[in-house]
Amino acid sequence: MDKKAFLLATALISGPAIVLAGPPFLTDDPEPVDYRHWEFYIASQHTRASDRWSGTAPHFELNYGVVPNVQLHLIAPLAYNAPNEGHTHYGYGDTELGFKFRFIPEMEYLPQAGIFPLLEAPTGSESDGLGSGHVQVFLPLWLQKGFGDWTIYGGGGYGINPGADNENWGFGGLVVQMQITKNGLLGAEAYHRTPMETGGRGDTGFNIGTVIDFTVHQHLLFSAGRSIDGPTDSQLYLAYQFTFGRGGVEPSAFHKGAQDPWREMDH
C-alpha cells in the first residue's frame, strides 16, 4: 500500500501552499498503491501560525494503482483561511494531482526508491486565501528501507512556486516508524522546508503520528507536531482511510511504509 500522499501536508502558513503528502506525515515514501487497488481518505489538516488558522475541513484523497509500481493521485480540498484580523473564508481550494513511480524495489541491502511529482492546480480563490493563483509543482525523490518491525523512509524535493514575491523552495524529511501491534504503528518525523516567499522564513519541525487498522479495509491516521524553528505554532492531521481492490490488503502489508502510515500514510 501506498503510504502517502503529499497528503496532505503542509498547510497554508501565510497563504496556500502545495500540500505535501505522506499521510499522516509531510514526508512521503516510494511505495505505491498495489496494482488495481484503491485508497480513499476523508481527512482534515490544520495549521496554526501566529496570525491565522488555515487548513482543510475536509479534503478528499484518492490513490489508484494503475499499473504495477505506479499509482495515480488526487486531492480535492475544502479549505479555510481564518486570520486573527479580518474575515474567515471557506471554499474549494487548490486541486492536487500526481503520480508515484517506484523504479527500484527494496532489496536485502538496498532501499526501494521512487519519484512522486505533484501538481497543484489553482482552483481555489487567491483573494480569499484559499488558493495560490498559480500552478505549483513539487518534484521529490523518496527512499525506504525496512528492518523487521521498523521502517525508515524519507528524502526530499524541489518546489516550483511562481508568482510575485514567491520563491522556489526545497523540502527534506525523515520518518522512523515501528509496528507496535498487529494493527497499529507509531512514527516520528523531522523535516525542513526552505522559504517560499521573498523575505519569508524556512520551517524546521517535527510530527508524531499513528496508524490504526480497524479492519483490513478501514484505517485511522493521526499526526500532530509543530515547528522547532519556523512559523508553525502547531499542526494536526486526521484521516479515515478506506482501502479496497482485487484480492484485498492485509493491514500488516499495508503498513510497511509511510502511507502504510504516516502513509498509505501512503506519509
C-alpha atoms as a PDB file:
ATOM      1  CA  MET A   1       0.000   0.000   0.000  1.00  0.00           C
ATOM      2  CA  ASP A   2       0.998   3.422  -0.504  1.00  0.00           C
ATOM      3  CA  LYS A   3       1.925   5.456   2.378  1.00  0.00           C
ATOM      4  CA  LYS A   4       1.056   8.549   1.329  1.00  0.00           C
ATOM      5  CA  ALA A   5       0.320  11.252  -0.463  1.00  0.00           C
ATOM      6  CA  PHE A   6       1.622  14.954  -0.075  1.00  0.00           C
ATOM      7  CA  LEU A   7      -1.265  14.197   1.859  1.00  0.00           C
ATOM      8  CA  LEU A   8      -1.785  16.310   2.823  1.00  0.00           C
ATOM      9  CA  ALA A   9       0.536  18.004   4.223  1.00  0.00           C
ATOM     10  CA  THR A  10       1.602  21.179   4.587  1.00  0.00           C
ATOM     11  CA  ALA A  11      -0.814  23.833   5.208  1.00  0.00           C
ATOM     12  CA  LEU A  12      -1.016  27.364   4.236  1.00  0.00           C
ATOM     13  CA  ILE A  13       1.051  29.286   6.648  1.00  0.00           C
ATOM     14  CA  SER A  14       0.880  32.665   5.001  1.00  0.00           C
ATOM     15  CA  GLY A  15      -1.194  31.770   2.044  1.00  0.00           C
ATOM     16  CA  PRO A  16      -1.897  28.422   0.426  1.00  0.00           C
ATOM     17  CA  ALA A  17       0.971  26.165  -0.411  1.00  0.00           C
ATOM     18  CA  ILE A  18       1.386  22.829  -2.025  1.00  0.00           C
ATOM     19  CA  VAL A  19       0.246  20.089   0.283  1.00  0.00           C
ATOM     20  CA  LEU A  20       2.884  17.564   0.971  1.00  0.00           C
ATOM     21  CA  ALA A  21       1.713  14.193   1.396  1.00  0.00           C
ATOM     22  CA  GLY A  22       2.576  11.036   3.045  1.00  0.00           C
ATOM     23  CA  PRO A  23      -0.345  10.621   5.360  1.00  0.00           C
ATOM     24  CA  PRO A  24      -0.136  11.154   8.143  1.00  0.00           C
ATOM     25  CA  PHE A  25       3.207  12.897   7.586  1.00  0.00           C
ATOM     26  CA  LEU A  26       4.561  15.604   5.320  1.00  0.00           C
ATOM     27  CA  THR A  27       7.419  13.304   4.275  1.00  0.00           C
ATOM     28  CA  ASP A  28       6.395  10.595   1.820  1.00  0.00           C
ATOM     29  CA  ASP A  29       7.713   7.218   0.779  1.00  0.00           C
ATOM     30  CA  PRO A  30       8.321   5.500  -2.573  1.00  0.00           C
ATOM     31  CA  GLU A  31       5.789   2.680  -2.114  1.00  0.00           C
ATOM     32  CA  PRO A  32       2.795   2.957  -4.481  1.00  0.00           C
ATOM     33  CA  VAL A  33      -0.651   1.508  -4.010  1.00  0.00           C
ATOM     34  CA  ASP A  34      -0.845  -2.091  -5.182  1.00  0.00           C
ATOM     35  CA  TYR A  35      -1.931  -2.727  -8.763  1.00  0.00           C
ATOM     36  CA  ARG A  36      -5.728  -2.398  -9.178  1.00  0.00           C
ATOM     37  CA  HIS A  37      -6.121  -1.306  -5.569  1.00  0.00           C
ATOM     38  CA  TRP A  38      -7.607   1.955  -4.273  1.00  0.00           C
ATOM     39  CA  GLU A  39      -7.096   4.190  -1.265  1.00  0.00           C
ATOM     40  CA  PHE A  40      -9.694   6.771  -0.311  1.00  0.00           C
ATOM     41  CA  TYR A  41      -9.196   9.261   2.531  1.00  0.00           C
ATOM     42  CA  ILE A  42     -11.612  11.597   4.242  1.00  0.00           C
ATOM     43  CA  ALA A  43      -9.158  13.880   6.016  1.00  0.00           C
ATOM     44  CA  SER A  44      -8.626  17.227   7.662  1.00  0.00           C
ATOM     45  CA  GLN A  45      -5.437  19.188   8.196  1.00  0.00           C
ATOM     46  CA  HIS A  46      -4.981  22.261  10.346  1.00  0.00           C
ATOM     47  CA  THR A  47      -2.091  24.665  10.861  1.00  0.00           C
ATOM     48  CA  ARG A  48      -1.818  27.384  13.472  1.00  0.00           C
ATOM     49  CA  ALA A  49       0.575  30.277  12.802  1.00  0.00           C
ATOM     50  CA  SER A  50       0.944  33.475  14.808  1.00  0.00           C
ATOM     51  CA  ASP A  51      -1.509  35.364  12.591  1.00  0.00           C
ATOM     52  CA  ARG A  52      -4.015  32.717  11.463  1.00  0.00           C
ATOM     53  CA  TRP A  53      -5.508  29.251  11.355  1.00  0.00           C
ATOM     54  CA  SER A  54      -5.616  27.554   7.958  1.00  0.00           C
ATOM     55  CA  GLY A  55      -6.144  24.117   6.514  1.00  0.00           C
ATOM     56  CA  THR A  56      -8.754  21.765   5.089  1.00  0.00           C
ATOM     57  CA  ALA A  57     -12.133  20.745   6.512  1.00  0.00           C
ATOM     58  CA  PRO A  58     -12.245  18.242   4.963  1.00  0.00           C
ATOM     59  CA  HIS A  59     -10.214  17.188   1.970  1.00  0.00           C
ATOM     60  CA  PHE A  60     -10.684  14.019  -0.062  1.00  0.00           C
ATOM     61  CA  GLU A  61      -7.734  11.987  -1.298  1.00  0.00           C
ATOM     62  CA  LEU A  62      -7.858   9.189  -3.859  1.00  0.00           C
ATOM     63  CA  ASN A  63      -4.977   6.909  -4.936  1.00  0.00           C
ATOM     64  CA  TYR A  64      -5.161   4.114  -7.513  1.00  0.00           C
ATOM     65  CA  GLY A  65      -2.602   1.512  -8.595  1.00  0.00           C
ATOM     66  CA  VAL A  66      -2.993   1.908 -12.335  1.00  0.00           C
ATOM     67  CA  VAL A  67      -0.133  -0.465 -13.288  1.00  0.00           C
ATOM     68  CA  PRO A  68       2.437  -2.310 -11.160  1.00  0.00           C
ATOM     69  CA  ASN A  69       4.703   0.187  -9.340  1.00  0.00           C
ATOM     70  CA  VAL A  70       2.666   3.216 -10.445  1.00  0.00           C
ATOM     71  CA  GLN A  71      -0.161   4.983  -8.628  1.00  0.00           C
ATOM     72  CA  LEU A  72      -2.321   7.932  -9.662  1.00  0.00           C
ATOM     73  CA  HIS A  73      -3.131  10.562  -7.018  1.00  0.00           C
ATOM     74  CA  LEU A  74      -5.820  13.218  -6.460  1.00  0.00           C
ATOM     75  CA  ILE A  75      -6.629  15.557  -3.565  1.00  0.00           C
ATOM     76  CA  ALA A  76      -9.806  17.672  -3.659  1.00  0.00           C
ATOM     77  CA  PRO A  77      -9.853  20.051  -0.657  1.00  0.00           C
ATOM     78  CA  LEU A  78     -12.410  22.217   1.052  1.00  0.00           C
ATOM     79  CA  ALA A  79     -10.084  24.850   2.502  1.00  0.00           C
ATOM     80  CA  TYR A  80     -10.389  27.574   5.113  1.00  0.00           C
ATOM     81  CA  ASN A  81      -8.331  30.647   5.962  1.00  0.00           C
ATOM     82  CA  ALA A  82      -9.046  32.281   9.334  1.00  0.00           C
ATOM     83  CA  PRO A  83      -6.749  35.260  10.057  1.00  0.00           C
ATOM     84  CA  ASN A  84      -6.633  36.787  13.540  1.00  0.00           C
ATOM     85  CA  GLU A  85      -7.783  40.034  11.968  1.00  0.00           C
ATOM     86  CA  GLY A  86     -10.166  40.118   9.033  1.00  0.00           C
ATOM     87  CA  HIS A  87     -12.747  37.748   7.600  1.00  0.00           C
ATOM     88  CA  THR A  88     -12.668  33.957   7.637  1.00  0.00           C
ATOM     89  CA  HIS A  89     -13.066  32.347   4.214  1.00  0.00           C
ATOM     90  CA  TYR A  90     -14.131  28.786   3.385  1.00  0.00           C
ATOM     91  CA  GLY A  91     -14.454  27.121  -0.004  1.00  0.00           C
ATOM     92  CA  TYR A  92     -12.861  24.864  -2.556  1.00  0.00           C
ATOM     93  CA  GLY A  93      -9.054  25.038  -2.524  1.00  0.00           C
ATOM     94  CA  ASP A  94      -6.309  24.141  -4.981  1.00  0.00           C
ATOM     95  CA  THR A  95      -6.585  20.657  -6.521  1.00  0.00           C
ATOM     96  CA  GLU A  96      -3.590  18.320  -6.247  1.00  0.00           C
ATOM     97  CA  LEU A  97      -2.710  15.830  -8.999  1.00  0.00           C
ATOM     98  CA  GLY A  98       0.236  13.476  -9.186  1.00  0.00           C
ATOM     99  CA  PHE A  99       1.641  10.036  -9.819  1.00  0.00           C
ATOM    100  CA  LYS A 100       4.046   7.867  -7.847  1.00  0.00           C
ATOM    101  CA  PHE A 101       6.539   5.636  -9.683  1.00  0.00           C
ATOM    102  CA  ARG A 102       8.732   3.155  -7.818  1.00  0.00           C
ATOM    103  CA  PHE A 103      11.715   2.444 -10.061  1.00  0.00           C
ATOM    104  CA  ILE A 104      13.851   0.416  -7.618  1.00  0.00           C
ATOM    105  CA  PRO A 105      12.298  -2.321  -5.427  1.00  0.00           C
ATOM    106  CA  GLU A 106      13.598  -2.907  -1.921  1.00  0.00           C
ATOM    107  CA  MET A 107      16.428  -5.436  -1.771  1.00  0.00           C
ATOM    108  CA  GLU A 108      18.384  -7.027   1.058  1.00  0.00           C
ATOM    109  CA  TYR A 109      20.962  -4.261   1.282  1.00  0.00           C
ATOM    110  CA  LEU A 110      19.356  -1.520  -0.789  1.00  0.00           C
ATOM    111  CA  PRO A 111      16.289   0.683  -0.151  1.00  0.00           C
ATOM    112  CA  GLN A 112      13.421   0.999  -2.562  1.00  0.00           C
ATOM    113  CA  ALA A 113      13.292   4.289  -4.470  1.00  0.00           C
ATOM    114  CA  GLY A 114      10.608   6.249  -6.234  1.00  0.00           C
ATOM    115  CA  ILE A 115       9.509   9.633  -7.519  1.00  0.00           C
ATOM    116  CA  PHE A 116       6.197  11.346  -6.757  1.00  0.00           C
ATOM    117  CA  PRO A 117       5.711  14.502  -8.894  1.00  0.00           C
ATOM    118  CA  LEU A 118       2.809  16.652  -7.681  1.00  0.00           C
ATOM    119  CA  LEU A 119       0.984  19.493  -9.402  1.00  0.00           C
ATOM    120  CA  GLU A 120      -1.248  21.996  -7.618  1.00  0.00           C
ATOM    121  CA  ALA A 121      -3.916  23.376  -9.970  1.00  0.00           C
ATOM    122  CA  PRO A 122      -5.052  26.912  -8.971  1.00  0.00           C
ATOM    123  CA  THR A 123      -8.728  26.094  -8.427  1.00  0.00           C
ATOM    124  CA  GLY A 124      -9.038  27.961  -5.106  1.00  0.00           C
ATOM    125  CA  SER A 125      -9.702  31.682  -4.634  1.00  0.00           C
ATOM    126  CA  GLU A 126      -6.420  33.569  -4.276  1.00  0.00           C
ATOM    127  CA  SER A 127      -8.149  36.712  -2.989  1.00  0.00           C
ATOM    128  CA  ASP A 128      -9.785  34.744  -0.149  1.00  0.00           C
ATOM    129  CA  GLY A 129      -6.548  32.980   0.780  1.00  0.00           C
ATOM    130  CA  LEU A 130      -7.851  29.596  -0.404  1.00  0.00           C
ATOM    131  CA  GLY A 131      -5.538  29.174  -3.381  1.00  0.00           C
ATOM    132  CA  SER A 132      -2.158  30.250  -4.694  1.00  0.00           C
ATOM    133  CA  GLY A 133      -3.398  31.688  -8.002  1.00  0.00           C
ATOM    134  CA  HIS A 134      -0.601  29.840  -9.825  1.00  0.00           C
ATOM    135  CA  VAL A 135       0.253  26.309 -10.924  1.00  0.00           C
ATOM    136  CA  GLN A 136       2.744  24.878  -8.413  1.00  0.00           C
ATOM    137  CA  VAL A 137       4.898  21.773  -8.850  1.00  0.00           C
ATOM    138  CA  PHE A 138       6.791  19.599  -6.346  1.00  0.00           C
ATOM    139  CA  LEU A 139       9.453  17.152  -7.631  1.00  0.00           C
ATOM    140  CA  PRO A 140      10.623  14.721  -4.913  1.00  0.00           C
ATOM    141  CA  LEU A 141      12.731  11.577  -4.634  1.00  0.00           C
ATOM    142  CA  TRP A 142      11.804   9.160  -1.813  1.00  0.00           C
ATOM    143  CA  LEU A 143      13.694   6.185  -0.328  1.00  0.00           C
ATOM    144  CA  GLN A 144      12.560   3.480   2.118  1.00  0.00           C
ATOM    145  CA  LYS A 145      14.098   0.504   3.969  1.00  0.00           C
ATOM    146  CA  GLY A 146      12.528  -1.932   6.402  1.00  0.00           C
ATOM    147  CA  PHE A 147      14.236  -3.626   9.357  1.00  0.00           C
ATOM    148  CA  GLY A 148      11.829  -6.096  10.943  1.00  0.00           C
ATOM    149  CA  ASP A 149       9.140  -4.100  12.730  1.00  0.00           C
ATOM    150  CA  TRP A 150      10.963  -0.852  11.936  1.00  0.00           C
ATOM    151  CA  THR A 151      10.697   1.202   8.741  1.00  0.00           C
ATOM    152  CA  ILE A 152      12.751   4.254   7.788  1.00  0.00           C
ATOM    153  CA  TYR A 153      11.805   6.419   4.828  1.00  0.00           C
ATOM    154  CA  GLY A 154      12.444   9.910   3.585  1.00  0.00           C
ATOM    155  CA  GLY A 155      14.110  12.084   1.006  1.00  0.00           C
ATOM    156  CA  GLY A 156      13.309  15.455  -0.417  1.00  0.00           C
ATOM    157  CA  GLY A 157      12.476  17.534  -3.406  1.00  0.00           C
ATOM    158  CA  TYR A 158      12.266  20.873  -5.163  1.00  0.00           C
ATOM    159  CA  GLY A 159       9.149  23.029  -5.310  1.00  0.00           C
ATOM    160  CA  ILE A 160       8.410  25.387  -8.211  1.00  0.00           C
ATOM    161  CA  ASN A 161       6.428  28.319  -6.824  1.00  0.00           C
ATOM    162  CA  PRO A 162       5.693  31.068  -9.396  1.00  0.00           C
ATOM    163  CA  GLY A 163       4.152  34.411  -8.544  1.00  0.00           C
ATOM    164  CA  ALA A 164       5.177  37.841  -7.311  1.00  0.00           C
ATOM    165  CA  ASP A 165       7.397  37.699  -4.217  1.00  0.00           C
ATOM    166  CA  ASN A 166       7.321  33.889  -4.252  1.00  0.00           C
ATOM    167  CA  GLU A 167      10.445  31.717  -4.224  1.00  0.00           C
ATOM    168  CA  ASN A 168      11.121  28.177  -5.333  1.00  0.00           C
ATOM    169  CA  TRP A 169      11.733  26.009  -2.287  1.00  0.00           C
ATOM    170  CA  GLY A 170      13.294  22.808  -1.065  1.00  0.00           C
ATOM    171  CA  PHE A 171      11.972  20.167   1.312  1.00  0.00           C
ATOM    172  CA  GLY A 172      13.691  17.312   3.125  1.00  0.00           C
ATOM    173  CA  GLY A 173      12.304  14.922   5.707  1.00  0.00           C
ATOM    174  CA  LEU A 174      12.853  11.626   7.511  1.00  0.00           C
ATOM    175  CA  VAL A 175      10.323   9.305   9.195  1.00  0.00           C
ATOM    176  CA  VAL A 176      11.075   6.435  11.582  1.00  0.00           C
ATOM    177  CA  GLN A 177       8.149   4.178  12.425  1.00  0.00           C
ATOM    178  CA  MET A 178       7.573   0.946  14.322  1.00  0.00           C
ATOM    179  CA  GLN A 179       4.799  -1.643  14.091  1.00  0.00           C
ATOM    180  CA  ILE A 180       3.977  -1.850  17.807  1.00  0.00           C
ATOM    181  CA  THR A 181       0.990  -4.203  17.489  1.00  0.00           C
ATOM    182  CA  LYS A 182      -0.531  -6.245  14.670  1.00  0.00           C
ATOM    183  CA  ASN A 183      -2.984  -3.416  13.986  1.00  0.00           C
ATOM    184  CA  GLY A 184      -1.067  -0.302  14.979  1.00  0.00           C
ATOM    185  CA  LEU A 185       2.127   1.601  14.356  1.00  0.00           C
ATOM    186  CA  LEU A 186       3.809   4.689  15.736  1.00  0.00           C
ATOM    187  CA  GLY A 187       6.053   7.074  13.809  1.00  0.00           C
ATOM    188  CA  ALA A 188       8.068  10.241  14.245  1.00  0.00           C
ATOM    189  CA  GLU A 189       9.086  12.725  11.562  1.00  0.00           C
ATOM    190  CA  ALA A 190      11.632  15.531  11.300  1.00  0.00           C
ATOM    191  CA  TYR A 191      11.609  17.869   8.297  1.00  0.00           C
ATOM    192  CA  HIS A 192      12.911  21.163   6.916  1.00  0.00           C
ATOM    193  CA  ARG A 193      11.430  23.449   4.260  1.00  0.00           C
ATOM    194  CA  THR A 194      13.232  26.478   2.844  1.00  0.00           C
ATOM    195  CA  PRO A 195      11.427  29.850   2.474  1.00  0.00           C
ATOM    196  CA  MET A 196       8.611  30.014  -0.079  1.00  0.00           C
ATOM    197  CA  GLU A 197       8.410  33.815  -0.187  1.00  0.00           C
ATOM    198  CA  THR A 198      10.952  36.594  -0.601  1.00  0.00           C
ATOM    199  CA  GLY A 199      11.961  37.584   2.915  1.00  0.00           C
ATOM    200  CA  GLY A 200       9.986  34.666   4.360  1.00  0.00           C
ATOM    201  CA  ARG A 201      11.060  32.073   6.892  1.00  0.00           C
ATOM    202  CA  GLY A 202      12.005  28.470   6.440  1.00  0.00           C
ATOM    203  CA  ASP A 203      10.411  25.840   8.651  1.00  0.00           C
ATOM    204  CA  THR A 204      12.133  23.111  10.660  1.00  0.00           C
ATOM    205  CA  GLY A 205       9.719  20.945  12.592  1.00  0.00           C
ATOM    206  CA  PHE A 206       8.552  17.549  13.752  1.00  0.00           C
ATOM    207  CA  ASN A 207       5.420  15.403  13.868  1.00  0.00           C
ATOM    208  CA  ILE A 208       4.430  12.312  15.844  1.00  0.00           C
ATOM    209  CA  GLY A 209       1.793  10.049  14.342  1.00  0.00           C
ATOM    210  CA  THR A 210      -0.002   6.736  14.373  1.00  0.00           C
ATOM    211  CA  VAL A 211      -1.953   4.458  12.068  1.00  0.00           C
ATOM    212  CA  ILE A 212      -4.568   2.094  13.471  1.00  0.00           C
ATOM    213  CA  ASP A 213      -6.153  -0.686  11.393  1.00  0.00           C
ATOM    214  CA  PHE A 214      -9.757  -1.265  12.436  1.00  0.00           C
ATOM    215  CA  THR A 215     -10.251  -3.835   9.659  1.00  0.00           C
ATOM    216  CA  VAL A 216      -8.422  -4.891   6.518  1.00  0.00           C
ATOM    217  CA  HIS A 217     -10.190  -2.053   4.698  1.00  0.00           C
ATOM    218  CA  GLN A 218     -10.608   0.718   7.287  1.00  0.00           C
ATOM    219  CA  HIS A 219      -7.797   2.689   8.946  1.00  0.00           C
ATOM    220  CA  LEU A 220      -7.389   5.730  11.182  1.00  0.00           C
ATOM    221  CA  LEU A 221      -4.395   8.060  10.659  1.00  0.00           C
ATOM    222  CA  PHE A 222      -3.370  10.844  13.015  1.00  0.00           C
ATOM    223  CA  SER A 223      -0.370  13.129  13.490  1.00  0.00           C
ATOM    224  CA  ALA A 224       0.457  16.291  15.391  1.00  0.00           C
ATOM    225  CA  GLY A 225       3.531  18.498  15.691  1.00  0.00           C
ATOM    226  CA  ARG A 226       4.977  21.972  15.424  1.00  0.00           C
ATOM    227  CA  SER A 227       7.988  23.973  14.306  1.00  0.00           C
ATOM    228  CA  ILE A 228      11.292  23.810  16.133  1.00  0.00           C
ATOM    229  CA  ASP A 229      12.385  26.873  14.175  1.00  0.00           C
ATOM    230  CA  GLY A 230       9.721  28.388  11.952  1.00  0.00           C
ATOM    231  CA  PRO A 231       6.234  29.886  11.737  1.00  0.00           C
ATOM    232  CA  THR A 232       4.133  26.816  12.582  1.00  0.00           C
ATOM    233  CA  ASP A 233       2.840  27.014  16.165  1.00  0.00           C
ATOM    234  CA  SER A 234       1.030  23.698  15.743  1.00  0.00           C
ATOM    235  CA  GLN A 235      -0.210  21.351  13.051  1.00  0.00           C
ATOM    236  CA  LEU A 236      -2.692  18.483  13.102  1.00  0.00           C
ATOM    237  CA  TYR A 237      -3.701  15.807  10.599  1.00  0.00           C
ATOM    238  CA  LEU A 238      -6.609  13.360  10.990  1.00  0.00           C
ATOM    239  CA  ALA A 239      -7.937  10.943   8.384  1.00  0.00           C
ATOM    240  CA  TYR A 240     -10.172   7.911   7.973  1.00  0.00           C
ATOM    241  CA  GLN A 241      -8.928   5.702   5.164  1.00  0.00           C
ATOM    242  CA  PHE A 242     -10.700   3.053   3.119  1.00  0.00           C
ATOM    243  CA  THR A 243      -8.613   0.538   1.137  1.00  0.00           C
ATOM    244  CA  PHE A 244     -10.096  -1.820  -1.411  1.00  0.00           C
ATOM    245  CA  GLY A 245      -9.308  -3.701  -4.585  1.00  0.00           C
ATOM    246  CA  ARG A 246      -8.867  -7.134  -6.074  1.00  0.00           C
ATOM    247  CA  GLY A 247      -7.506  -9.586  -3.531  1.00  0.00           C
ATOM    248  CA  GLY A 248      -7.786  -7.270  -0.508  1.00  0.00           C
ATOM    249  CA  VAL A 249      -4.982  -5.783   1.509  1.00  0.00           C
ATOM    250  CA  GLU A 250      -3.650  -7.079   4.786  1.00  0.00           C
ATOM    251  CA  PRO A 251      -3.071  -4.396   7.431  1.00  0.00           C
ATOM    252  CA  SER A 252       0.437  -5.632   8.160  1.00  0.00           C
ATOM    253  CA  ALA A 253       1.352  -5.442   4.482  1.00  0.00           C
ATOM    254  CA  PHE A 254      -0.245  -2.044   4.210  1.00  0.00           C
ATOM    255  CA  HIS A 255       1.888  -0.524   6.882  1.00  0.00           C
ATOM    256  CA  LYS A 256       5.300  -1.362   5.566  1.00  0.00           C
ATOM    257  CA  GLY A 257       5.831   2.183   4.515  1.00  0.00           C
ATOM    258  CA  ALA A 258       4.749   5.695   5.016  1.00  0.00           C
ATOM    259  CA  GLN A 259       1.271   5.639   3.893  1.00  0.00           C
ATOM    260  CA  ASP A 260       1.493   2.345   5.167  1.00  0.00           C
ATOM    261  CA  PRO A 261       1.284   5.308   7.731  1.00  0.00           C
ATOM    262  CA  TRP A 262       2.125   8.134   8.118  1.00  0.00           C
ATOM    263  CA  ARG A 263       1.032   6.770   4.616  1.00  0.00           C
ATOM    264  CA  GLU A 264      -0.997   4.850   2.664  1.00  0.00           C
ATOM    265  CA  MET A 265       0.356   7.008   5.296  1.00  0.00           C
ATOM    266  CA  ASP A 266       0.951   6.161   1.897  1.00  0.00           C
ATOM    267  CA  HIS A 267       3.003   9.582   4.558  1.00  0.00           C
END
